[in-house]
Amino acid sequence: MPKEKQPLRFKLEKYRFFSAYEKSISTEKRFLISQHVCTSKHKQNITRKNKFKQQFFTDAVANNSQSSTFSKELCEAMISADIPLWKLNHFPFKQFMEKHSGKRISVESTLRKNYLSVIYENCLASIREYINDGPICITIDETTDSKKLQILKTGAFAV
């Protein structure tokens, strides 16, 4: 006996939109999923998932503002003293800083990624505030050093 053609309405009723997973699933599967959602094992897994939520780096930095303030000030001090940030990778220096500051010293790349751009923007803002809309004078000087290399020195001053 040949199969009867089922009307389109029957085919559509077989699939429903399941809002919990935002997918279209068959009614048989929906029944199984609905039963599973009501089980205690599923509820325990949901509470465990919410309880042990992974903390991302940006959240950790936001939560640890005192440490980030220290790291920002450390980065700013090293930059203003012309100390390269890679010096923080030198173990005895890092150990000395951690011992006497009582705080964990961030890795050079972390300081570079998170704080250097902020310090740069603050420096530019202070220069713009100082100059305001007044005139400036830019000087350029070319010289040769002891190794016979040419050096170009530039300077900008508010007039």
Protein backbone atom coordinates (compact mmCIF):
# COMPACT_ATOMS: atom_id res chain seq x y z
CA MET A 1 0.00 0.00 0.00
CA PRO A 2 1.50 3.36 -1.00
CA LYS A 3 2.15 6.02 1.60
CA GLU A 4 -0.43 8.70 1.90
CA LYS A 5 0.68 12.22 1.32
CA GLN A 6 0.49 14.15 4.53
CA PRO A 7 -0.78 17.69 4.40
CA LEU A 8 1.71 20.50 4.96
CA ARG A 9 -0.06 21.50 8.18
CA PHE A 10 0.77 18.12 9.72
CA LYS A 11 4.44 18.45 8.76
CA LEU A 12 4.63 21.91 10.33
CA GLU A 13 2.95 20.75 13.53
CA LYS A 14 5.64 18.13 13.91
CA TYR A 15 8.29 20.85 14.38
CA ARG A 16 7.94 23.54 17.02
CA PHE A 17 10.18 26.35 18.07
CA PHE A 18 11.80 25.56 21.41
CA SER A 19 12.49 28.88 23.09
CA ALA A 20 15.03 27.66 25.67
CA TYR A 21 17.55 26.76 22.97
CA GLU A 22 16.16 28.98 20.21
CA LYS A 23 15.96 26.08 17.77
CA SER A 24 13.25 24.31 15.86
CA ILE A 25 12.90 20.75 17.11
CA SER A 26 10.44 17.95 16.61
CA THR A 27 7.64 17.50 19.13
CA GLU A 28 9.05 14.14 20.24
CA LYS A 29 12.38 15.71 21.11
CA ARG A 30 10.65 18.63 22.77
CA PHE A 31 8.91 16.24 25.15
CA LEU A 32 12.24 14.60 26.06
CA ILE A 33 13.95 17.95 26.56
CA SER A 34 11.07 19.23 28.69
CA GLN A 35 11.38 16.15 30.89
CA HIS A 36 15.14 16.57 31.18
CA VAL A 37 14.83 20.24 32.17
CA CYS A 38 12.66 19.23 35.13
CA THR A 39 15.19 16.71 36.50
CA SER A 40 17.32 17.48 39.54
CA LYS A 41 20.52 16.69 37.66
CA HIS A 42 19.81 19.44 35.13
CA LYS A 43 19.01 21.93 37.91
CA GLN A 44 22.25 21.03 39.72
CA ASN A 45 24.24 21.56 36.54
CA ILE A 46 22.69 24.99 36.04
CA THR A 47 23.50 26.08 39.60
CA ARG A 48 27.04 24.70 39.26
CA LYS A 49 27.51 26.59 36.00
CA ASN A 50 26.34 29.85 37.57
CA LYS A 51 28.39 29.28 40.73
CA PHE A 52 31.70 28.54 39.02
CA LYS A 53 31.59 31.19 36.34
CA GLN A 54 34.92 31.79 34.62
CA GLN A 55 36.45 35.13 35.46
CA PHE A 56 37.88 36.89 32.43
CA PHE A 57 40.93 39.14 32.50
CA THR A 58 38.95 42.35 32.03
CA ASP A 59 36.73 41.46 34.99
CA ALA A 60 39.77 40.69 37.12
CA VAL A 61 41.35 44.04 36.30
CA ALA A 62 38.11 45.87 37.06
CA ASN A 63 37.68 44.04 40.37
CA ASN A 64 41.26 44.61 41.45
CA SER A 65 41.42 48.39 41.06
CA GLN A 66 44.02 48.90 43.81
CA SER A 67 46.45 46.58 42.05
CA SER A 68 45.72 48.18 38.69
CA THR A 69 46.37 51.63 40.19
CA PHE A 70 49.74 50.39 41.43
CA SER A 71 50.54 48.88 38.03
CA LYS A 72 49.57 52.08 36.24
CA GLU A 73 51.69 54.20 38.57
CA LEU A 74 54.61 51.78 38.21
CA CYS A 75 54.37 51.96 34.43
CA GLU A 76 54.12 55.75 34.53
CA ALA A 77 57.14 56.03 36.84
CA MET A 78 59.27 53.76 34.68
CA ILE A 79 58.33 55.59 31.49
CA SER A 80 58.97 59.03 32.98
CA ALA A 81 62.36 57.86 34.32
CA ASP A 82 63.30 56.43 30.90
CA ILE A 83 63.51 52.89 32.29
CA PRO A 84 62.46 50.36 29.63
CA LEU A 85 59.55 48.16 30.65
CA TRP A 86 61.44 45.01 29.67
CA LYS A 87 63.61 45.57 32.76
CA LEU A 88 60.67 44.19 34.77
CA ASN A 89 61.46 40.77 33.28
CA HIS A 90 64.82 40.81 35.10
CA PHE A 91 64.18 38.43 38.00
CA PRO A 92 66.29 40.11 40.75
CA PHE A 93 64.75 43.51 39.96
CA LYS A 94 61.24 42.07 39.95
CA GLN A 95 61.88 40.19 43.20
CA PHE A 96 63.24 43.36 44.84
CA MET A 97 60.21 45.39 43.73
CA GLU A 98 57.73 42.76 44.95
CA LYS A 99 59.53 42.41 48.28
CA HIS A 100 59.62 46.12 49.09
CA SER A 101 56.30 47.15 47.59
CA GLY A 102 54.37 44.17 48.95
CA LYS A 103 52.48 43.93 45.67
CA ARG A 104 52.69 41.64 42.69
CA ILE A 105 54.51 43.20 39.75
CA SER A 106 52.75 42.74 36.42
CA VAL A 107 54.51 41.37 33.39
CA GLU A 108 55.91 43.89 30.92
CA SER A 109 53.45 42.96 28.18
CA THR A 110 50.50 43.45 30.54
CA LEU A 111 51.68 46.94 31.44
CA ARG A 112 52.25 47.72 27.78
CA LYS A 113 48.81 46.47 26.70
CA ASN A 114 46.71 47.91 29.52
CA TYR A 115 48.39 51.06 30.79
CA LEU A 116 50.77 52.52 28.23
CA SER A 117 48.04 53.82 25.92
CA VAL A 118 46.23 55.43 28.88
CA ILE A 119 49.44 57.14 30.02
CA TYR A 120 50.10 58.33 26.47
CA GLU A 121 46.59 59.80 26.15
CA ASN A 122 46.95 61.54 29.54
CA CYS A 123 50.28 63.03 28.43
CA LEU A 124 48.78 64.31 25.19
CA ALA A 125 45.83 65.78 27.07
CA SER A 126 48.13 67.65 29.46
CA ILE A 127 50.17 69.03 26.54
CA ARG A 128 47.00 70.14 24.75
CA GLU A 129 45.74 71.76 27.95
CA TYR A 130 49.04 73.60 28.45
CA ILE A 131 49.25 74.84 24.87
CA ASN A 132 45.51 75.42 24.54
CA ASP A 133 44.99 77.40 21.32
CA GLY A 134 48.19 79.43 21.60
CA PRO A 135 51.07 79.49 19.13
CA ILE A 136 53.90 76.97 19.33
CA CYS A 137 57.51 76.96 18.19
CA ILE A 138 59.05 73.82 16.73
CA THR A 139 62.83 73.49 16.49
CA ILE A 140 64.72 70.88 14.51
CA ASP A 141 68.46 70.31 14.86
CA GLU A 142 70.64 67.86 12.99
CA THR A 143 73.94 66.75 14.46
CA THR A 144 76.47 63.92 14.26
CA ASP A 145 77.39 61.81 17.28
CA SER A 146 80.76 60.27 18.20
CA LYS A 147 80.09 57.22 16.03
CA LYS A 148 79.50 59.42 12.98
CA LEU A 149 75.75 58.73 13.01
CA GLN A 150 73.39 61.55 12.16
CA ILE A 151 70.87 62.48 14.84
CA LEU A 152 67.80 64.64 14.40
CA LYS A 153 66.61 66.44 17.53
CA THR A 154 63.18 68.02 17.67
CA GLY A 155 61.50 70.19 20.25
CA ALA A 156 58.15 71.92 20.56
CA PHE A 157 57.53 74.87 22.85
CA ALA A 158 54.58 77.07 23.69
CA VAL A 159 55.24 80.70 22.85
